[in-house]
N, C-alpha and C. Protein backbone atom coordinates (compact mmCIF):
# COMPACT_ATOMS: atom_id res chain seq x y z
N MET A 1 -42.89 68.23 -58.02
CA MET A 1 -44.29 68.61 -58.11
C MET A 1 -44.86 68.04 -59.41
N THR A 2 -46.00 67.43 -59.31
CA THR A 2 -46.61 66.84 -60.50
C THR A 2 -47.70 67.77 -61.04
N THR A 3 -47.88 67.72 -62.33
CA THR A 3 -48.91 68.54 -62.96
C THR A 3 -50.24 67.81 -62.90
N LEU A 4 -51.30 68.55 -63.18
CA LEU A 4 -52.63 67.94 -63.22
C LEU A 4 -52.68 66.83 -64.26
N LEU A 5 -52.07 67.08 -65.42
CA LEU A 5 -52.09 66.07 -66.48
C LEU A 5 -51.31 64.84 -66.06
N GLN A 6 -50.15 65.02 -65.42
CA GLN A 6 -49.38 63.87 -64.95
C GLN A 6 -50.19 63.05 -63.95
N ARG A 7 -50.88 63.71 -63.05
CA ARG A 7 -51.70 62.99 -62.06
C ARG A 7 -52.83 62.25 -62.75
N LEU A 8 -53.45 62.89 -63.76
CA LEU A 8 -54.53 62.25 -64.50
C LEU A 8 -54.02 61.00 -65.20
N LEU A 9 -52.88 61.11 -65.89
CA LEU A 9 -52.34 59.96 -66.60
C LEU A 9 -51.90 58.86 -65.65
N ARG A 10 -51.31 59.23 -64.50
CA ARG A 10 -50.89 58.24 -63.53
C ARG A 10 -52.11 57.49 -62.99
N SER A 11 -53.17 58.24 -62.72
CA SER A 11 -54.41 57.63 -62.23
C SER A 11 -54.99 56.70 -63.28
N PHE A 12 -54.98 57.15 -64.53
CA PHE A 12 -55.49 56.34 -65.63
C PHE A 12 -54.69 55.05 -65.76
N ALA A 13 -53.36 55.16 -65.71
CA ALA A 13 -52.51 53.98 -65.86
C ALA A 13 -52.73 53.01 -64.71
N SER A 14 -52.89 53.53 -63.49
CA SER A 14 -53.08 52.62 -62.36
C SER A 14 -54.43 51.90 -62.47
N THR A 15 -55.42 52.57 -63.03
CA THR A 15 -56.72 51.94 -63.23
C THR A 15 -56.61 50.75 -64.18
N LEU A 16 -55.70 50.86 -65.15
CA LEU A 16 -55.53 49.80 -66.13
C LEU A 16 -54.41 48.84 -65.76
N GLY A 17 -53.90 48.94 -64.56
CA GLY A 17 -52.80 48.06 -64.19
C GLY A 17 -51.51 48.46 -64.89
N GLY A 18 -51.41 49.74 -65.29
CA GLY A 18 -50.19 50.23 -65.91
C GLY A 18 -50.05 49.91 -67.38
N GLN A 19 -51.09 49.40 -68.02
CA GLN A 19 -50.97 49.10 -69.44
C GLN A 19 -52.32 49.26 -70.13
N PHE A 20 -52.28 49.37 -71.46
CA PHE A 20 -53.52 49.46 -72.20
C PHE A 20 -54.22 48.11 -72.17
N ALA A 21 -55.53 48.14 -72.26
CA ALA A 21 -56.32 46.92 -72.14
C ALA A 21 -56.48 46.20 -73.47
N THR A 22 -55.62 46.47 -74.42
CA THR A 22 -55.69 45.76 -75.69
C THR A 22 -54.32 45.25 -76.07
N GLU A 23 -54.27 44.10 -76.67
CA GLU A 23 -53.02 43.55 -77.18
C GLU A 23 -53.00 43.61 -78.70
N SER A 24 -54.07 44.08 -79.30
CA SER A 24 -54.21 44.02 -80.74
C SER A 24 -53.87 45.35 -81.41
N PRO A 25 -52.75 45.41 -82.15
CA PRO A 25 -52.45 46.62 -82.90
C PRO A 25 -53.54 46.95 -83.92
N GLY A 26 -54.19 45.92 -84.46
CA GLY A 26 -55.27 46.15 -85.43
C GLY A 26 -56.41 46.94 -84.82
N GLN A 27 -56.77 46.61 -83.58
CA GLN A 27 -57.82 47.36 -82.89
C GLN A 27 -57.39 48.81 -82.68
N LEU A 28 -56.14 49.01 -82.28
CA LEU A 28 -55.66 50.37 -82.09
C LEU A 28 -55.68 51.15 -83.40
N LEU A 29 -55.27 50.52 -84.49
CA LEU A 29 -55.24 51.21 -85.77
C LEU A 29 -56.64 51.60 -86.24
N ARG A 30 -57.65 50.78 -85.98
CA ARG A 30 -59.02 51.13 -86.33
C ARG A 30 -59.48 52.36 -85.54
N ILE A 31 -59.10 52.42 -84.28
CA ILE A 31 -59.44 53.59 -83.45
C ILE A 31 -58.76 54.83 -84.01
N ILE A 32 -57.52 54.70 -84.41
CA ILE A 32 -56.76 55.83 -84.95
C ILE A 32 -57.44 56.41 -86.17
N GLN A 33 -57.83 55.55 -87.10
CA GLN A 33 -58.41 56.02 -88.34
C GLN A 33 -59.69 56.80 -88.13
N SER A 34 -60.42 56.51 -87.08
CA SER A 34 -61.70 57.17 -86.89
C SER A 34 -61.65 58.31 -85.87
N SER A 35 -60.53 58.51 -85.19
CA SER A 35 -60.53 59.47 -84.08
C SER A 35 -59.73 60.74 -84.32
N GLY A 36 -59.00 60.85 -85.40
CA GLY A 36 -58.32 62.08 -85.72
C GLY A 36 -57.08 62.38 -84.89
N TYR A 37 -56.30 61.37 -84.59
CA TYR A 37 -55.03 61.61 -83.92
C TYR A 37 -53.99 60.70 -84.55
N ILE A 38 -52.75 60.91 -84.18
CA ILE A 38 -51.65 60.12 -84.74
C ILE A 38 -51.09 59.23 -83.65
N LEU A 39 -50.89 57.97 -83.97
CA LEU A 39 -50.30 57.02 -83.03
C LEU A 39 -48.88 56.73 -83.49
N TYR A 40 -47.94 56.83 -82.57
CA TYR A 40 -46.54 56.55 -82.87
C TYR A 40 -46.15 55.25 -82.21
N GLN A 41 -45.51 54.36 -82.96
CA GLN A 41 -45.05 53.10 -82.42
C GLN A 41 -43.57 53.20 -82.10
N HIS A 42 -43.16 52.68 -80.94
CA HIS A 42 -41.76 52.70 -80.54
C HIS A 42 -40.94 51.91 -81.56
N LYS A 43 -39.72 52.37 -81.84
CA LYS A 43 -38.91 51.75 -82.89
C LYS A 43 -38.50 50.32 -82.56
N THR A 44 -38.17 50.04 -81.31
CA THR A 44 -37.70 48.68 -80.98
C THR A 44 -38.69 47.90 -80.13
N LYS A 45 -39.48 48.59 -79.33
CA LYS A 45 -40.49 47.91 -78.49
C LYS A 45 -41.83 48.08 -79.17
N THR A 46 -42.14 47.15 -80.05
CA THR A 46 -43.29 47.31 -80.94
C THR A 46 -44.64 47.26 -80.24
N ASN A 47 -44.67 46.93 -78.96
CA ASN A 47 -45.94 46.96 -78.24
C ASN A 47 -46.09 48.25 -77.43
N VAL A 48 -45.21 49.24 -77.66
CA VAL A 48 -45.25 50.51 -76.96
C VAL A 48 -45.64 51.60 -77.96
N TYR A 49 -46.66 52.38 -77.58
CA TYR A 49 -47.16 53.44 -78.44
C TYR A 49 -47.24 54.76 -77.69
N ALA A 50 -47.17 55.84 -78.43
CA ALA A 50 -47.48 57.17 -77.92
C ALA A 50 -48.47 57.78 -78.89
N MET A 51 -49.32 58.64 -78.40
CA MET A 51 -50.30 59.25 -79.30
C MET A 51 -50.22 60.77 -79.23
N SER A 52 -50.61 61.39 -80.32
CA SER A 52 -50.69 62.84 -80.34
C SER A 52 -51.96 63.27 -79.62
N LEU A 53 -52.01 64.52 -79.25
CA LEU A 53 -53.24 65.06 -78.68
C LEU A 53 -54.31 65.11 -79.77
N VAL A 54 -55.54 64.95 -79.38
CA VAL A 54 -56.65 65.12 -80.31
C VAL A 54 -56.99 66.60 -80.32
N THR A 55 -57.06 67.16 -81.50
CA THR A 55 -57.30 68.59 -81.64
C THR A 55 -58.75 68.93 -81.33
N PRO A 56 -58.99 69.76 -80.28
CA PRO A 56 -60.37 70.18 -80.03
C PRO A 56 -60.80 71.16 -81.14
N ASP A 57 -62.10 71.26 -81.35
CA ASP A 57 -62.62 72.10 -82.44
C ASP A 57 -62.11 73.53 -82.38
N PHE A 58 -61.99 74.09 -81.17
CA PHE A 58 -61.59 75.50 -81.08
C PHE A 58 -60.10 75.71 -81.39
N ARG A 59 -59.34 74.65 -81.61
CA ARG A 59 -57.92 74.75 -81.98
C ARG A 59 -57.64 74.12 -83.35
N SER A 60 -58.67 73.98 -84.18
CA SER A 60 -58.50 73.29 -85.46
C SER A 60 -57.45 73.94 -86.35
N ASN A 61 -57.23 75.23 -86.23
CA ASN A 61 -56.22 75.89 -87.05
C ASN A 61 -54.81 75.81 -86.44
N PHE A 62 -54.65 75.08 -85.32
CA PHE A 62 -53.35 74.93 -84.67
C PHE A 62 -52.64 73.65 -85.11
N THR A 63 -53.29 72.81 -85.90
CA THR A 63 -52.69 71.56 -86.34
C THR A 63 -52.87 71.38 -87.84
N ASN A 64 -51.96 70.60 -88.43
CA ASN A 64 -52.02 70.28 -89.84
C ASN A 64 -51.51 68.86 -90.01
N LYS A 65 -52.40 67.95 -90.41
CA LYS A 65 -52.02 66.53 -90.49
C LYS A 65 -50.98 66.26 -91.57
N ASP A 66 -50.94 67.09 -92.60
CA ASP A 66 -50.01 66.87 -93.70
C ASP A 66 -48.65 67.50 -93.47
N ARG A 67 -48.60 68.56 -92.69
CA ARG A 67 -47.34 69.30 -92.47
C ARG A 67 -47.13 69.50 -90.97
N THR A 68 -46.39 68.59 -90.35
CA THR A 68 -46.21 68.64 -88.89
C THR A 68 -45.48 69.90 -88.43
N GLU A 69 -44.72 70.53 -89.30
CA GLU A 69 -44.05 71.77 -88.90
C GLU A 69 -45.05 72.91 -88.64
N TYR A 70 -46.29 72.70 -89.05
CA TYR A 70 -47.34 73.69 -88.80
C TYR A 70 -48.28 73.25 -87.67
N CYS A 71 -47.80 72.41 -86.80
CA CYS A 71 -48.59 71.96 -85.65
C CYS A 71 -48.08 72.66 -84.39
N TYR A 72 -48.97 73.37 -83.71
CA TYR A 72 -48.59 74.15 -82.54
C TYR A 72 -49.30 73.70 -81.26
N LEU A 73 -50.05 72.62 -81.34
CA LEU A 73 -50.87 72.20 -80.21
C LEU A 73 -50.03 71.53 -79.13
N THR A 74 -50.13 72.04 -77.92
CA THR A 74 -49.52 71.44 -76.74
C THR A 74 -50.60 71.35 -75.67
N THR A 75 -50.33 70.65 -74.59
CA THR A 75 -51.36 70.47 -73.56
C THR A 75 -51.85 71.81 -73.01
N GLU A 76 -50.97 72.78 -72.89
CA GLU A 76 -51.39 74.10 -72.38
C GLU A 76 -52.45 74.72 -73.28
N LEU A 77 -52.33 74.46 -74.58
CA LEU A 77 -53.26 75.05 -75.54
C LEU A 77 -54.58 74.30 -75.64
N LEU A 78 -54.75 73.27 -74.82
CA LEU A 78 -56.06 72.63 -74.72
C LEU A 78 -57.00 73.46 -73.85
N LEU A 79 -56.43 74.44 -73.14
CA LEU A 79 -57.24 75.40 -72.39
C LEU A 79 -57.69 76.52 -73.34
N GLN A 80 -58.72 77.22 -72.94
CA GLN A 80 -59.23 78.33 -73.75
C GLN A 80 -58.25 79.51 -73.73
N ASP A 81 -58.33 80.37 -74.75
CA ASP A 81 -57.42 81.52 -74.87
C ASP A 81 -57.39 82.39 -73.62
N HIS A 82 -58.54 82.61 -72.98
CA HIS A 82 -58.56 83.52 -71.83
C HIS A 82 -57.77 82.99 -70.63
N GLU A 83 -57.41 81.70 -70.65
CA GLU A 83 -56.60 81.12 -69.56
C GLU A 83 -55.10 81.25 -69.84
N ILE A 84 -54.73 81.61 -71.06
CA ILE A 84 -53.32 81.68 -71.44
C ILE A 84 -52.90 83.14 -71.52
N PRO A 85 -52.03 83.57 -70.61
CA PRO A 85 -51.60 84.98 -70.62
C PRO A 85 -50.95 85.36 -71.95
N LYS A 86 -51.15 86.59 -72.35
CA LYS A 86 -50.60 87.06 -73.63
C LYS A 86 -49.09 86.91 -73.69
N ASN A 87 -48.41 87.07 -72.54
CA ASN A 87 -46.94 86.93 -72.56
C ASN A 87 -46.49 85.48 -72.71
N ASN A 88 -47.43 84.51 -72.67
CA ASN A 88 -47.10 83.11 -72.90
C ASN A 88 -47.48 82.66 -74.31
N ARG A 89 -47.84 83.60 -75.16
CA ARG A 89 -48.23 83.29 -76.53
C ARG A 89 -47.12 83.76 -77.48
N PHE A 90 -46.64 82.85 -78.29
CA PHE A 90 -45.60 83.20 -79.25
C PHE A 90 -46.08 82.84 -80.65
N PRO A 91 -46.52 83.84 -81.42
CA PRO A 91 -46.99 83.55 -82.78
C PRO A 91 -45.81 83.24 -83.70
N PRO A 92 -45.99 82.31 -84.66
CA PRO A 92 -44.91 81.98 -85.58
C PRO A 92 -44.59 83.13 -86.55
N SER A 93 -45.49 84.09 -86.63
CA SER A 93 -45.30 85.25 -87.50
C SER A 93 -45.83 86.49 -86.79
N PRO A 94 -45.11 87.61 -86.87
CA PRO A 94 -45.62 88.84 -86.24
C PRO A 94 -46.83 89.41 -86.99
N PHE A 95 -47.13 88.85 -88.16
CA PHE A 95 -48.22 89.37 -88.98
C PHE A 95 -49.54 88.65 -88.76
N ASP A 96 -49.50 87.53 -88.03
CA ASP A 96 -50.72 86.78 -87.77
C ASP A 96 -50.63 86.21 -86.35
N THR A 97 -51.45 86.72 -85.46
CA THR A 97 -51.42 86.26 -84.07
C THR A 97 -52.61 85.35 -83.74
N THR A 98 -53.33 84.88 -84.77
CA THR A 98 -54.46 83.99 -84.51
C THR A 98 -54.00 82.59 -84.11
N VAL A 99 -52.78 82.23 -84.50
CA VAL A 99 -52.18 80.96 -84.12
C VAL A 99 -50.91 81.29 -83.35
N TYR A 100 -50.66 80.53 -82.30
CA TYR A 100 -49.45 80.78 -81.51
C TYR A 100 -48.99 79.52 -80.82
N GLN A 101 -47.75 79.53 -80.39
CA GLN A 101 -47.19 78.46 -79.59
C GLN A 101 -47.20 78.93 -78.14
N PHE A 102 -47.22 77.98 -77.22
CA PHE A 102 -47.07 78.34 -75.82
C PHE A 102 -45.59 78.61 -75.58
N SER A 103 -45.30 79.69 -74.89
CA SER A 103 -43.92 79.99 -74.56
C SER A 103 -43.84 80.39 -73.10
N GLY A 104 -42.72 80.16 -72.50
CA GLY A 104 -42.56 80.52 -71.09
C GLY A 104 -42.40 79.29 -70.23
N ASP A 105 -42.43 79.52 -68.94
CA ASP A 105 -42.21 78.48 -67.95
C ASP A 105 -43.50 77.67 -67.77
N LYS A 106 -43.50 76.44 -68.27
CA LYS A 106 -44.69 75.59 -68.20
C LYS A 106 -45.04 75.23 -66.76
N ALA A 107 -44.04 75.02 -65.92
CA ALA A 107 -44.30 74.67 -64.51
C ALA A 107 -45.01 75.82 -63.80
N LYS A 108 -44.59 77.05 -64.04
CA LYS A 108 -45.25 78.21 -63.41
C LYS A 108 -46.68 78.35 -63.92
N PHE A 109 -46.88 78.06 -65.19
CA PHE A 109 -48.22 78.13 -65.77
C PHE A 109 -49.14 77.11 -65.09
N VAL A 110 -48.66 75.89 -64.91
CA VAL A 110 -49.45 74.84 -64.26
C VAL A 110 -49.77 75.24 -62.82
N ILE A 111 -48.80 75.79 -62.12
CA ILE A 111 -49.03 76.23 -60.74
C ILE A 111 -50.11 77.31 -60.70
N ALA A 112 -50.07 78.22 -61.66
CA ALA A 112 -51.09 79.28 -61.73
C ALA A 112 -52.48 78.70 -61.97
N ILE A 113 -52.58 77.73 -62.86
CA ILE A 113 -53.87 77.09 -63.13
C ILE A 113 -54.33 76.32 -61.90
N GLU A 114 -53.42 75.58 -61.26
CA GLU A 114 -53.76 74.84 -60.05
C GLU A 114 -54.26 75.79 -58.96
N SER A 115 -53.61 76.94 -58.82
CA SER A 115 -54.04 77.92 -57.81
C SER A 115 -55.44 78.42 -58.09
N LYS A 116 -55.74 78.66 -59.37
CA LYS A 116 -57.09 79.10 -59.73
C LYS A 116 -58.13 78.05 -59.35
N VAL A 117 -57.81 76.78 -59.64
CA VAL A 117 -58.73 75.70 -59.31
C VAL A 117 -58.93 75.62 -57.79
N LYS A 118 -57.84 75.70 -57.03
CA LYS A 118 -57.92 75.64 -55.57
C LYS A 118 -58.71 76.81 -55.00
N ASN A 119 -58.67 77.96 -55.68
CA ASN A 119 -59.41 79.14 -55.23
C ASN A 119 -60.87 79.11 -55.67
N GLY A 120 -61.26 78.05 -56.34
CA GLY A 120 -62.66 77.93 -56.76
C GLY A 120 -62.98 78.54 -58.10
N ASP A 121 -61.97 79.04 -58.82
CA ASP A 121 -62.22 79.57 -60.15
C ASP A 121 -62.62 78.43 -61.09
N LEU A 122 -63.52 78.72 -61.97
CA LEU A 122 -63.94 77.71 -62.95
C LEU A 122 -63.01 77.75 -64.15
N ILE A 123 -62.37 76.65 -64.42
CA ILE A 123 -61.47 76.52 -65.56
C ILE A 123 -62.14 75.57 -66.56
N ASP A 124 -62.16 75.97 -67.81
CA ASP A 124 -62.78 75.16 -68.85
C ASP A 124 -61.76 74.14 -69.37
N PHE A 125 -61.92 72.88 -68.97
CA PHE A 125 -61.03 71.81 -69.39
C PHE A 125 -61.60 71.00 -70.55
N THR A 126 -62.62 71.51 -71.22
CA THR A 126 -63.27 70.73 -72.28
C THR A 126 -62.32 70.43 -73.45
N GLY A 127 -61.27 71.21 -73.62
CA GLY A 127 -60.31 70.93 -74.68
C GLY A 127 -59.57 69.62 -74.47
N PHE A 128 -59.55 69.13 -73.23
CA PHE A 128 -58.90 67.85 -72.92
C PHE A 128 -59.81 66.66 -73.25
N TYR A 129 -61.12 66.89 -73.32
CA TYR A 129 -62.07 65.80 -73.46
C TYR A 129 -61.83 64.92 -74.69
N PRO A 130 -61.59 65.47 -75.89
CA PRO A 130 -61.38 64.57 -77.04
C PRO A 130 -60.22 63.60 -76.84
N THR A 131 -59.13 64.06 -76.26
CA THR A 131 -57.98 63.17 -76.01
C THR A 131 -58.32 62.14 -74.94
N ILE A 132 -58.97 62.57 -73.88
CA ILE A 132 -59.37 61.63 -72.82
C ILE A 132 -60.35 60.61 -73.35
N ASP A 133 -61.26 61.03 -74.23
CA ASP A 133 -62.23 60.10 -74.83
C ASP A 133 -61.51 59.01 -75.62
N VAL A 134 -60.47 59.39 -76.37
CA VAL A 134 -59.72 58.39 -77.15
C VAL A 134 -59.01 57.43 -76.21
N ILE A 135 -58.39 57.95 -75.16
CA ILE A 135 -57.70 57.09 -74.19
C ILE A 135 -58.68 56.11 -73.58
N GLU A 136 -59.86 56.59 -73.22
CA GLU A 136 -60.87 55.69 -72.65
C GLU A 136 -61.31 54.63 -73.66
N THR A 137 -61.42 55.01 -74.93
CA THR A 137 -61.80 54.06 -75.97
C THR A 137 -60.74 52.99 -76.13
N ILE A 138 -59.47 53.40 -76.11
CA ILE A 138 -58.37 52.43 -76.23
C ILE A 138 -58.41 51.48 -75.04
N ALA A 139 -58.69 52.01 -73.86
CA ALA A 139 -58.71 51.19 -72.65
C ALA A 139 -59.83 50.15 -72.69
N ILE A 140 -60.92 50.47 -73.38
CA ILE A 140 -62.06 49.55 -73.43
C ILE A 140 -61.85 48.46 -74.46
N VAL A 141 -61.11 48.76 -75.53
CA VAL A 141 -60.93 47.80 -76.65
C VAL A 141 -60.33 46.50 -76.15
């Protein structure tokens, strides 16, 4: 079973013929500097990159560019708090629950979100937009 994000990325890759539309690392680096995400280059395949998620404004306290051990952002957390059950929230400290990691079965969570969408429930996916915008920008370069 594929997740919504996997289907989105597969669709995106097929639109681009399975690769990014730029051959220039310099162009990618300029995008990185202005977009607020981190790009990782593969150690041996220097034309292969992975990027971090772009932090949406409502999750600004879930990431720290200087200290990666304080980064808790995952794709599940791109959804709003009301979509994430309390039993799937694991705070790094019992004294502060304003920041948390996603915990639990990710596949079951995706199935629950998919079921809500199929039932006509409105799910706010705006937290995904900043990351999708960067991917689209890279594809255009």
